[in-house]
Amino acid sequence: MTTAMRYQQRTLAEVAPGDRLPTLRYEVTATTVILGALASRDWRPMHHDRDFAVHRNGTKDIFMNTPTQAAWFERYLTDWTGPKGRLGRMTFRMKGSVFPGDTMTIDGTVSHVDVDSTGCGWATVDMALTVDGEVKTTCTARIALPTNAHDNPWSRKGHDWQP
């Protein structure tokens, strides 16, 4: 089960520090973990072989890999911004594992909004991925948003794109 955000194209004028993004909840399955590892070409067995994960690694099950978590954060942000939102930078810190059977919850808050010297609008969003109230991963991202209805960060190239 996924609780997804309702699509809306946001412009920078609609975003302010302190804004909270809608919560995203997702029931993680073994398929979620394995397909994420396959999509990122991560063949390490702890992401698809339960016996290896439990008996060799000492974990309770297979677990979500780093690129898959990054993809979930990016999906969360672009669901919120709409299709013209363009990720500039993202940093995150994994503090625990996400396993099949977990309900993954992602929440975020806008911490900063600005326009750079090229006229590109930016929002910085601080996020946390939690399971049962325990923070598993924190993430901060800078994402470009249109400054008006006619702007599109995806059309910026060269010196006009400074993530």
Protein backbone atom coordinates (compact mmCIF):
# COMPACT_ATOMS: atom_id res chain seq x y z
CA MET A 1 0.00 0.00 0.00
CA THR A 2 1.29 3.41 -0.93
CA THR A 3 -0.10 6.70 0.22
CA ALA A 4 0.91 9.06 -2.54
CA MET A 5 0.74 12.79 -2.83
CA ARG A 6 -1.80 14.40 -5.08
CA TYR A 7 -0.13 15.77 -8.22
CA GLN A 8 0.34 19.53 -8.33
CA GLN A 9 2.95 21.54 -10.21
CA ARG A 10 4.51 23.88 -7.64
CA THR A 11 6.27 27.14 -8.27
CA LEU A 12 8.80 28.68 -5.93
CA ALA A 13 6.29 31.35 -4.85
CA GLU A 14 4.14 28.58 -3.30
CA VAL A 15 6.95 27.30 -1.07
CA ALA A 16 8.27 28.76 2.20
CA PRO A 17 10.64 27.66 4.96
CA GLY A 18 8.74 25.61 7.52
CA ASP A 19 6.36 24.07 4.97
CA ARG A 20 5.80 20.40 5.72
CA LEU A 21 5.49 17.99 2.83
CA PRO A 22 2.74 15.35 2.92
CA THR A 23 3.78 12.03 4.43
CA LEU A 24 4.56 9.11 2.13
CA ARG A 25 3.94 5.62 3.55
CA TYR A 26 4.92 2.43 1.76
CA GLU A 27 4.66 -1.22 2.78
CA VAL A 28 8.06 -2.70 1.93
CA THR A 29 8.06 -6.23 0.53
CA ALA A 30 10.87 -8.59 -0.49
CA THR A 31 9.99 -7.70 -4.07
CA THR A 32 10.52 -3.98 -3.30
CA VAL A 33 13.99 -4.71 -1.90
CA ILE A 34 15.05 -7.13 -4.64
CA LEU A 35 13.79 -5.06 -7.58
CA GLY A 36 15.51 -1.97 -6.17
CA ALA A 37 18.80 -3.86 -5.93
CA LEU A 38 18.39 -5.26 -9.45
CA ALA A 39 17.51 -1.86 -10.92
CA SER A 40 20.69 -0.39 -9.44
CA ARG A 41 22.76 -3.42 -10.51
CA ASP A 42 23.64 -4.23 -6.92
CA TRP A 43 24.25 -7.97 -7.03
CA ARG A 44 25.42 -8.26 -3.42
CA PRO A 45 23.50 -11.16 -1.88
CA MET A 46 22.37 -9.33 1.27
CA HIS A 47 19.81 -7.53 -0.92
CA HIS A 48 18.23 -10.64 -2.47
CA ASP A 49 19.32 -13.80 -0.60
CA ARG A 50 17.61 -14.10 2.78
CA ASP A 51 19.76 -17.03 3.91
CA PHE A 52 22.96 -15.11 3.18
CA ALA A 53 21.62 -11.94 4.86
CA VAL A 54 20.58 -13.77 8.02
CA HIS A 55 23.34 -16.38 8.40
CA ARG A 56 26.37 -14.58 6.92
CA ASN A 57 25.54 -10.95 7.69
CA GLY A 58 23.61 -11.47 10.90
CA THR A 59 20.67 -9.29 9.86
CA LYS A 60 17.03 -10.24 10.32
CA ASP A 61 16.33 -10.34 6.55
CA ILE A 62 17.40 -8.88 3.21
CA PHE A 63 17.48 -5.09 3.34
CA MET A 64 17.04 -2.08 1.07
CA ASN A 65 20.24 -0.83 -0.57
CA THR A 66 21.53 2.74 -0.74
CA PRO A 67 20.51 3.58 -4.35
CA THR A 68 16.97 2.33 -3.70
CA GLN A 69 16.62 4.59 -0.66
CA ALA A 70 17.97 7.49 -2.75
CA ALA A 71 15.35 6.75 -5.40
CA TRP A 72 12.56 6.82 -2.78
CA PHE A 73 13.72 10.25 -1.57
CA GLU A 74 13.83 11.54 -5.15
CA ARG A 75 10.36 10.14 -5.85
CA TYR A 76 9.07 11.81 -2.67
CA LEU A 77 10.45 15.18 -3.75
CA THR A 78 9.25 15.04 -7.35
CA ASP A 79 5.79 13.86 -6.27
CA TRP A 80 5.69 17.06 -4.21
CA THR A 81 7.17 19.47 -6.78
CA GLY A 82 5.46 18.09 -9.87
CA PRO A 83 7.22 17.13 -13.12
CA LYS A 84 9.22 20.34 -13.45
CA GLY A 85 11.00 19.80 -10.13
CA ARG A 86 14.66 19.00 -10.83
CA LEU A 87 16.94 17.53 -8.20
CA GLY A 88 20.16 19.47 -7.79
CA ARG A 89 21.88 17.81 -4.84
CA MET A 90 21.08 15.24 -2.23
CA THR A 91 22.99 14.00 0.80
CA PHE A 92 21.81 11.39 3.21
CA ARG A 93 22.91 9.31 6.15
CA MET A 94 21.74 5.77 6.74
CA LYS A 95 21.34 4.94 10.42
CA GLY A 96 19.50 1.63 10.18
CA SER A 97 18.15 -0.91 7.72
CA VAL A 98 14.77 -1.15 6.00
CA PHE A 99 13.47 -4.72 5.73
CA PRO A 100 10.54 -6.50 4.06
CA GLY A 101 7.49 -6.17 6.28
CA ASP A 102 8.43 -2.64 7.38
CA THR A 103 6.13 0.29 6.74
CA MET A 104 8.48 2.94 5.47
CA THR A 105 7.42 6.52 6.19
CA ILE A 106 9.04 9.59 4.63
CA ASP A 107 8.38 13.10 5.94
CA GLY A 108 10.00 16.37 4.92
CA THR A 109 10.17 20.05 5.79
CA VAL A 110 11.34 22.96 3.64
CA SER A 111 14.30 24.58 5.40
CA HIS A 112 15.38 27.19 2.85
CA VAL A 113 14.13 28.86 -0.34
CA ASP A 114 16.19 31.06 -2.66
CA VAL A 115 16.86 32.14 -6.23
CA ASP A 116 20.43 31.80 -7.53
CA SER A 117 22.36 34.27 -9.68
CA THR A 118 21.01 32.68 -12.89
CA GLY A 119 17.38 33.11 -11.79
CA CYS A 120 16.83 29.44 -10.91
CA GLY A 121 14.54 28.85 -7.93
CA TRP A 122 15.63 26.43 -5.21
CA ALA A 123 14.08 24.76 -2.19
CA THR A 124 16.10 22.87 0.39
CA VAL A 125 14.14 20.05 2.01
CA ASP A 126 15.14 18.08 5.12
CA MET A 127 13.66 14.58 5.17
CA ALA A 128 13.57 11.51 7.37
CA LEU A 129 12.74 7.92 6.50
CA THR A 130 11.34 6.19 9.57
CA VAL A 131 10.05 2.73 10.46
CA ASP A 132 7.79 2.48 13.51
CA GLY A 133 8.94 5.94 14.61
CA GLU A 134 12.66 5.05 14.43
CA VAL A 135 14.75 7.16 12.05
CA LYS A 136 16.48 4.89 9.56
CA THR A 137 17.81 7.52 7.14
CA THR A 138 18.03 11.31 7.08
CA CYS A 139 18.32 13.28 3.86
CA THR A 140 18.76 16.88 2.78
CA ALA A 141 18.09 17.81 -0.83
CA ARG A 142 18.22 20.94 -2.93
CA ILE A 143 15.61 20.86 -5.66
CA ALA A 144 14.93 23.39 -8.41
CA LEU A 145 11.37 24.63 -8.87
CA PRO A 146 9.92 26.87 -11.56
CA THR A 147 9.92 30.54 -10.52
CA ASN A 148 6.71 31.10 -12.52
CA ALA A 149 4.31 29.21 -14.77
CA HIS A 150 6.58 29.65 -17.81
CA ASP A 151 9.86 28.59 -16.15
CA ASN A 152 11.19 25.05 -16.41
CA PRO A 153 14.37 24.08 -14.51
CA TRP A 154 14.83 21.18 -16.94
CA SER A 155 15.53 23.66 -19.77
CA ARG A 156 18.54 25.10 -17.89
CA LYS A 157 21.90 24.07 -19.29
CA GLY A 158 25.55 25.03 -18.92
CA HIS A 159 26.08 28.14 -16.82
CA ASP A 160 22.33 28.45 -16.20
CA TRP A 161 22.35 25.18 -14.22
CA GLN A 162 24.27 25.45 -10.94
CA PRO A 163 23.09 22.74 -8.59
